[in-house]
Each structure stands twice: as C-alpha cells, then as structure tokens.
C-alpha cells in the first residue's frame, strides 16, 4: 500500500494536470466561437458562387470546362486530406483518417493510383507512415485559414486534373454539425457534379467578356477554391469544438481521480493513526 507522502504527490500531480486541461478547455472555447463565426461568414459567399457556377455550367455554350467533364475510366485519383496541426482533440483526426484508409483500400483493389495533398501536420505524418505518394502539403495554418497559404499546395492537384493526369479529385475533412457532433466525410471534389454544382435556373446563354473560356475558367477555379476553403474552415471549427469537449472530459476525470486519491489518503492516514494508538496502548499495558 502506498505511503501518505506518495499519495499526496499523486494528488498534487493530478491537480496540476487538471489546471492545464481546464486552461486548454477555456482557450478552445474562445477559439471555437471565432472559428464558428468565420465558418458561417464564408457560407453566403460559397452559396452565391455555387449558384453562379450552376448557371454557367448549364448555359448554352460550346466551351466545356475540364472541371465539368466526367472521365469514364478512373485510374488516377487525387486526394486532399484536411486534418489539424495539433492533437488533444479527441477522435477528430483518427475518425477522418479511418475513412480515408477505407477509401484507399477500395481504390487500391480497383487498381487506381493515388496522389495525396495533405493540409495539416497530423494527416501528413499519417500518410508518410502509410507510404502514400504525397505530391504537396501545407502545415502551420494557425487558427485562421488563409487562401494564399492553401492554394499553393492544392493547385498541384488542380493543375494535374486540368492537364488530364488525374481522373478525379476527392477531399477528406471533418464537417461541423454542432459543438458536440462533427462528421468525417470523403467527398468528390472534381469533376463537379450533383449537389456541388446544382441545376441552373435558365437554359439561355450569357454574353461573355472577353470570352466564354476566360470567364468560366476563372469562375470555376474560384468556386473550387471556395469549396476547399470552406472545408478547411469547417475542419478548424470542428477541431476547436472537439478539443474543448476532450479537455472538459479530461478535467472532469481528473477531478474524479483527485477525489478517489483523497479518499485513499484519508484511509491510509486513519490506518496509520490507528496503528500508532494500538502500539501506544499495547506499550502502556505491557508496562
């Protein structure tokens, strides 16, 4: 049975740990509110540019952008993996990486070659250990996603798709639902289809200036960048929410452990006092 001093040291150690987790919980709660506001602020822009892209994609023009052209035989796939740079956020990264591994197995069985772009340190480390072919990566985004930091790494896959070197591009990230729930997703980014583009509101064409190719190329590129930015913003909001919940759970567990250790300490102290009293009484009786 441990001595009273050892138990006191354990109590002090757990109390120090609880102070750290409590502080991290408060910091994550503050950052979570800002991340959620940033994520929601980007949604109106994304919805508006989606509508414009939908109308242009269904317009009566002879030019068909590569982002809208479907490939029949998909053999080369690009994957953008969005994770956090730091840990201590529960199962946020492991959940999305588990889905990525499941998709990688399916693609490998189909004989598809995979090219990976990593956004975030955790995903980069995992993909390196998995032996994936990493073509670009970006780390250290901080608490605020910036498009100028993201576009360099992402444009590698976008250029390869434009050149025909890739048949499809997917993005894996964690979608923010609410503070207690975050959903890992792996969705097709390119070619644009389904809900990503939607249906146009008209079947007539536009008057393009200077030409249809220049306008559609620029607009669809901005649209894809907006989709990637929104995915990173939602992942950051999910990260702070998951970290706040994880640190609150850690603080509560530390409080419970402290209570159990104090109970053990009191029992040990009571047993030591009882033993001393017994020895004193026994000694007095012997005299």
Protein backbone atom coordinates (compact mmCIF):
# COMPACT_ATOMS: atom_id res chain seq x y z
CA UNK A 1 0.00 0.00 0.00
CA UNK A 2 1.48 3.41 -0.94
CA UNK A 3 2.52 5.76 1.81
CA UNK A 4 0.76 9.01 2.59
CA UNK A 5 3.55 11.05 1.01
CA UNK A 6 3.31 9.14 -2.27
CA UNK A 7 -0.45 9.67 -2.37
CA UNK A 8 -0.04 13.40 -1.66
CA UNK A 9 2.44 13.64 -4.56
CA UNK A 10 -0.03 11.89 -6.86
CA UNK A 11 -2.81 14.26 -5.80
CA UNK A 12 -0.60 17.27 -6.48
CA UNK A 13 0.39 15.90 -9.90
CA UNK A 14 -3.23 15.29 -10.94
CA UNK A 15 -4.23 18.75 -9.67
CA UNK A 16 -1.52 20.34 -11.84
CA UNK A 17 -2.73 18.33 -14.84
CA UNK A 18 -6.31 19.45 -14.19
CA UNK A 19 -5.21 23.08 -14.17
CA UNK A 20 -3.65 22.60 -17.63
CA UNK A 21 -6.69 20.81 -19.10
CA UNK A 22 -9.04 23.42 -17.63
CA UNK A 23 -7.00 26.24 -19.19
CA UNK A 24 -6.92 24.45 -22.55
CA UNK A 25 -10.69 23.97 -22.35
CA UNK A 26 -11.25 27.71 -21.86
CA UNK A 27 -8.85 28.61 -24.68
CA UNK A 28 -10.53 26.12 -27.03
CA UNK A 29 -13.97 27.52 -26.13
CA UNK A 30 -12.82 31.03 -27.05
CA UNK A 31 -11.23 29.88 -30.32
CA UNK A 32 -14.27 27.73 -31.13
CA UNK A 33 -16.61 30.73 -31.18
CA UNK A 34 -14.29 32.63 -33.52
CA UNK A 35 -13.86 29.59 -35.78
CA UNK A 36 -17.62 29.09 -35.99
CA UNK A 37 -18.18 32.74 -36.86
CA UNK A 38 -15.50 32.52 -39.57
CA UNK A 39 -17.04 29.34 -40.97
CA UNK A 40 -20.56 30.79 -41.07
CA UNK A 41 -19.30 34.03 -42.62
CA UNK A 42 -17.86 32.07 -45.56
CA UNK A 43 -21.12 30.22 -46.29
CA UNK A 44 -23.02 33.07 -48.05
CA UNK A 45 -20.12 33.60 -50.48
CA UNK A 46 -19.92 29.87 -51.16
CA UNK A 47 -23.66 29.62 -51.80
CA UNK A 48 -23.70 32.62 -54.13
CA UNK A 49 -20.74 31.48 -56.22
CA UNK A 50 -22.30 27.99 -56.36
CA UNK A 51 -25.43 29.43 -57.95
CA UNK A 52 -23.41 31.39 -60.48
CA UNK A 53 -21.31 28.32 -61.29
CA UNK A 54 -24.51 26.25 -61.69
CA UNK A 55 -25.97 28.72 -64.18
CA UNK A 56 -22.73 28.89 -66.15
CA UNK A 57 -22.29 25.11 -66.20
CA UNK A 58 -25.78 24.69 -67.70
CA UNK A 59 -25.53 27.61 -70.09
CA UNK A 60 -25.70 27.00 -73.84
CA UNK A 61 -22.05 27.45 -74.68
CA UNK A 62 -19.72 25.40 -76.85
CA UNK A 63 -16.94 25.54 -74.26
CA UNK A 64 -16.86 22.75 -71.64
CA UNK A 65 -14.52 23.32 -68.74
CA UNK A 66 -12.36 20.32 -67.67
CA UNK A 67 -13.80 20.59 -64.14
CA UNK A 68 -17.22 19.60 -65.58
CA UNK A 69 -16.06 16.78 -67.86
CA UNK A 70 -16.54 13.29 -66.43
CA UNK A 71 -13.95 10.60 -67.11
CA UNK A 72 -15.27 7.15 -67.91
CA UNK A 73 -12.23 5.14 -66.78
CA UNK A 74 -10.99 6.43 -63.41
CA UNK A 75 -7.46 5.14 -62.78
CA UNK A 76 -5.64 8.13 -61.25
CA UNK A 77 -7.12 9.79 -58.19
CA UNK A 78 -6.07 12.87 -56.25
CA UNK A 79 -6.94 13.15 -52.56
CA UNK A 80 -6.85 16.26 -50.35
CA UNK A 81 -6.63 15.25 -46.67
CA UNK A 82 -7.59 18.01 -44.20
CA UNK A 83 -6.56 17.44 -40.59
CA UNK A 84 -5.35 19.53 -37.65
CA UNK A 85 -1.78 20.54 -36.87
CA UNK A 86 -2.13 19.70 -33.17
CA UNK A 87 -3.53 16.83 -31.18
CA UNK A 88 -5.55 16.65 -27.94
CA UNK A 89 -8.82 16.94 -29.87
CA UNK A 90 -10.36 13.54 -29.20
CA UNK A 91 -11.03 11.30 -32.18
CA UNK A 92 -11.28 14.15 -34.70
CA UNK A 93 -8.28 13.18 -36.84
CA UNK A 94 -8.49 9.42 -36.30
CA UNK A 95 -12.12 9.33 -37.47
CA UNK A 96 -11.45 11.06 -40.79
CA UNK A 97 -8.23 9.12 -41.36
CA UNK A 98 -10.11 5.88 -40.74
CA UNK A 99 -12.48 6.76 -43.58
CA UNK A 100 -9.52 7.71 -45.78
CA UNK A 101 -7.91 4.31 -45.17
CA UNK A 102 -11.16 2.55 -46.10
CA UNK A 103 -11.34 4.51 -49.38
CA UNK A 104 -7.66 3.86 -50.10
CA UNK A 105 -8.25 0.11 -49.79
CA UNK A 106 -11.15 0.28 -52.26
CA UNK A 107 -9.10 2.33 -54.75
CA UNK A 108 -6.13 0.02 -54.36
CA UNK A 109 -8.30 -3.02 -55.12
CA UNK A 110 -9.59 -1.22 -58.23
CA UNK A 111 -6.01 -0.64 -59.41
CA UNK A 112 -6.17 3.15 -59.05
CA UNK A 113 -3.03 5.23 -58.49
CA UNK A 114 -3.39 7.70 -55.60
CA UNK A 115 -1.76 11.14 -55.27
CA UNK A 116 -2.18 12.91 -51.93
CA UNK A 117 -2.12 16.55 -50.80
CA UNK A 118 -2.03 16.98 -47.02
CA UNK A 119 -3.38 20.03 -45.19
CA UNK A 120 -2.35 19.73 -41.55
CA UNK A 121 0.52 18.06 -39.73
CA UNK A 122 -1.44 15.06 -38.40
CA UNK A 123 -2.59 13.95 -41.85
CA UNK A 124 0.90 14.44 -43.28
CA UNK A 125 2.50 12.24 -40.64
CA UNK A 126 -0.12 9.55 -41.10
CA UNK A 127 0.21 9.49 -44.90
CA UNK A 128 4.00 9.31 -44.65
CA UNK A 129 3.74 6.30 -42.34
CA UNK A 130 1.18 4.72 -44.68
CA UNK A 131 3.58 5.06 -47.62
CA UNK A 132 1.22 7.22 -49.71
CA UNK A 133 2.51 9.24 -52.65
CA UNK A 134 2.45 12.82 -51.30
CA UNK A 135 2.73 15.46 -54.02
CA UNK A 136 2.28 18.56 -51.81
CA UNK A 137 1.47 19.58 -48.26
CA UNK A 138 0.93 22.65 -46.09
CA UNK A 139 1.31 22.93 -42.32
CA UNK A 140 1.12 25.58 -39.63
CA UNK A 141 -2.08 27.31 -40.79
CA UNK A 142 -2.73 28.63 -37.30
CA UNK A 143 -6.25 29.47 -36.15
CA UNK A 144 -7.25 31.34 -39.31
CA UNK A 145 -7.26 29.65 -42.75
CA UNK A 146 -5.82 31.83 -45.49
CA UNK A 147 -6.37 31.06 -49.15
CA UNK A 148 -2.90 32.26 -50.13
CA UNK A 149 -1.41 29.57 -47.85
CA UNK A 150 -3.71 26.83 -49.15
CA UNK A 151 -3.74 27.45 -52.87
CA UNK A 152 -0.09 26.60 -53.50
CA UNK A 153 -0.43 23.02 -52.24
CA UNK A 154 -3.92 22.44 -53.64
CA UNK A 155 -3.12 23.84 -57.08
CA UNK A 156 -0.77 20.91 -57.72
CA UNK A 157 -3.73 18.52 -57.89
CA UNK A 158 -5.97 21.02 -59.69
CA UNK A 159 -3.35 21.55 -62.42
CA UNK A 160 -2.89 17.80 -62.79
CA UNK A 161 -6.64 17.36 -63.23
CA UNK A 162 -6.76 20.19 -65.77
CA UNK A 163 -3.92 18.55 -67.71
CA UNK A 164 -5.67 15.18 -67.70
CA UNK A 165 -3.13 13.49 -65.42
CA UNK A 166 -5.86 12.84 -62.81
CA UNK A 167 -9.32 11.43 -63.44
CA UNK A 168 -10.93 12.51 -60.14
CA UNK A 169 -10.10 14.55 -57.04
CA UNK A 170 -11.55 13.85 -53.60
CA UNK A 171 -11.39 15.84 -50.37
CA UNK A 172 -11.46 14.36 -46.86
CA UNK A 173 -12.29 16.61 -43.93
CA UNK A 174 -14.47 16.88 -40.83
CA UNK A 175 -17.78 18.69 -41.30
CA UNK A 176 -19.01 20.82 -38.39
CA UNK A 177 -22.57 19.94 -37.28
CA UNK A 178 -22.67 21.38 -33.77
CA UNK A 179 -20.45 21.68 -30.72
CA UNK A 180 -20.96 18.05 -29.72
CA UNK A 181 -21.05 16.48 -33.18
CA UNK A 182 -18.59 16.53 -36.08
CA UNK A 183 -18.90 14.29 -39.13
CA UNK A 184 -15.86 12.94 -41.05
CA UNK A 185 -16.51 12.95 -44.80
CA UNK A 186 -14.75 11.91 -48.01
CA UNK A 187 -16.41 13.58 -50.99
CA UNK A 188 -15.68 14.01 -54.68
CA UNK A 189 -14.39 17.48 -55.46
CA UNK A 190 -13.66 17.09 -59.19
CA UNK A 191 -15.24 16.69 -61.64
CA UNK A 192 -18.00 18.93 -60.30
CA UNK A 193 -21.34 17.16 -60.24
CA UNK A 194 -24.55 16.70 -58.29
CA UNK A 195 -25.04 18.99 -55.30
CA UNK A 196 -21.63 20.61 -55.84
CA UNK A 197 -22.97 22.37 -58.93
CA UNK A 198 -26.74 22.02 -58.76
CA UNK A 199 -29.07 22.90 -61.56
CA UNK A 200 -29.15 26.16 -63.43
CA UNK A 201 -32.14 28.50 -63.32
CA UNK A 202 -32.23 29.01 -67.07
CA UNK A 203 -31.30 27.41 -70.36
CA UNK A 204 -30.09 30.54 -72.11
CA UNK A 205 -26.52 31.67 -72.58
CA UNK A 206 -24.68 34.70 -71.26
CA UNK A 207 -22.80 37.42 -73.06
CA UNK A 208 -19.17 36.84 -72.09
CA UNK A 209 -16.48 39.49 -71.97
CA UNK A 210 -13.78 38.96 -73.13
CA UNK A 211 -14.75 35.35 -73.97
CA UNK A 212 -16.56 32.33 -72.52
CA UNK A 213 -13.36 30.40 -71.82
CA UNK A 214 -11.73 33.15 -69.77
CA UNK A 215 -14.83 33.83 -67.68
CA UNK A 216 -15.73 30.19 -66.99
CA UNK A 217 -12.11 29.19 -66.26
CA UNK A 218 -11.70 31.96 -63.71
CA UNK A 219 -15.10 31.45 -62.07
CA UNK A 220 -14.90 27.68 -61.67
CA UNK A 221 -11.37 27.92 -60.27
CA UNK A 222 -12.61 30.43 -57.67
CA UNK A 223 -15.53 28.11 -56.92
CA UNK A 224 -13.28 25.11 -56.27
CA UNK A 225 -11.03 27.27 -54.09
CA UNK A 226 -14.12 28.37 -52.13
CA UNK A 227 -15.09 24.72 -51.58
CA UNK A 228 -11.61 23.91 -50.26
CA UNK A 229 -11.54 27.00 -48.02
CA UNK A 230 -14.95 26.08 -46.60
CA UNK A 231 -13.74 22.53 -45.90
CA UNK A 232 -10.68 23.84 -44.03
CA UNK A 233 -12.80 26.38 -42.09
CA UNK A 234 -15.26 23.68 -41.03
CA UNK A 235 -12.39 21.40 -40.02
CA UNK A 236 -10.91 24.14 -37.83
CA UNK A 237 -14.28 24.79 -36.16
CA UNK A 238 -14.62 21.04 -35.58
CA UNK A 239 -11.10 20.90 -34.16
CA UNK A 240 -11.73 23.56 -31.52
CA UNK A 241 -15.10 22.04 -30.59
CA UNK A 242 -13.59 18.56 -30.25
CA UNK A 243 -10.67 19.93 -28.21
CA UNK A 244 -12.99 21.80 -25.85
CA UNK A 245 -15.09 18.65 -25.27
CA UNK A 246 -11.98 16.47 -24.83
CA UNK A 247 -10.38 18.86 -22.35
CA UNK A 248 -13.64 19.17 -20.38
CA UNK A 249 -13.82 15.39 -20.16
CA UNK A 250 -10.17 15.27 -19.06
CA UNK A 251 -10.81 17.91 -16.37
CA UNK A 252 -13.84 16.00 -15.08
CA UNK A 253 -11.88 12.75 -14.98
CA UNK A 254 -9.02 14.47 -13.15
CA UNK A 255 -11.48 15.79 -10.56
CA UNK A 256 -12.83 12.28 -10.02
CA UNK A 257 -9.31 10.84 -9.69
CA UNK A 258 -8.41 13.53 -7.13
CA UNK A 259 -11.50 12.62 -5.11
CA UNK A 260 -10.58 8.91 -5.17
CA UNK A 261 -6.97 9.64 -4.20
CA UNK A 262 -8.06 11.84 -1.30
CA UNK A 263 -10.30 9.03 -0.07
CA UNK A 264 -7.39 6.58 -0.23
CA UNK A 265 -5.14 9.11 1.53
CA UNK A 266 -7.64 9.59 4.36
CA UNK A 267 -7.99 5.81 4.78
CA UNK A 268 -4.20 5.39 4.82
CA UNK A 269 -3.81 8.21 7.34
CA UNK A 270 -6.57 6.77 9.53
CA UNK A 271 -4.94 3.34 9.41
CA UNK A 272 -1.56 4.84 10.39
CA UNK A 273 -3.13 6.71 13.34
CA UNK A 274 -4.97 3.59 14.47
CA UNK A 275 -1.74 1.59 14.30
CA UNK A 276 0.12 4.18 16.40
CA UNK A 277 -2.63 4.25 19.01
CA UNK A 278 -2.61 0.45 19.17
CA UNK A 279 1.14 0.44 19.71
CA UNK A 280 0.86 3.08 22.48
CA UNK A 281 -1.91 1.21 24.24
CA UNK A 282 -0.04 -2.09 23.91
CA UNK A 283 3.10 -0.49 25.33
CA UNK A 284 1.24 1.03 28.26
CA UNK A 285 -0.42 -2.30 29.03
CA UNK A 286 2.94 -4.07 28.97
CA UNK A 287 4.39 -1.57 31.48
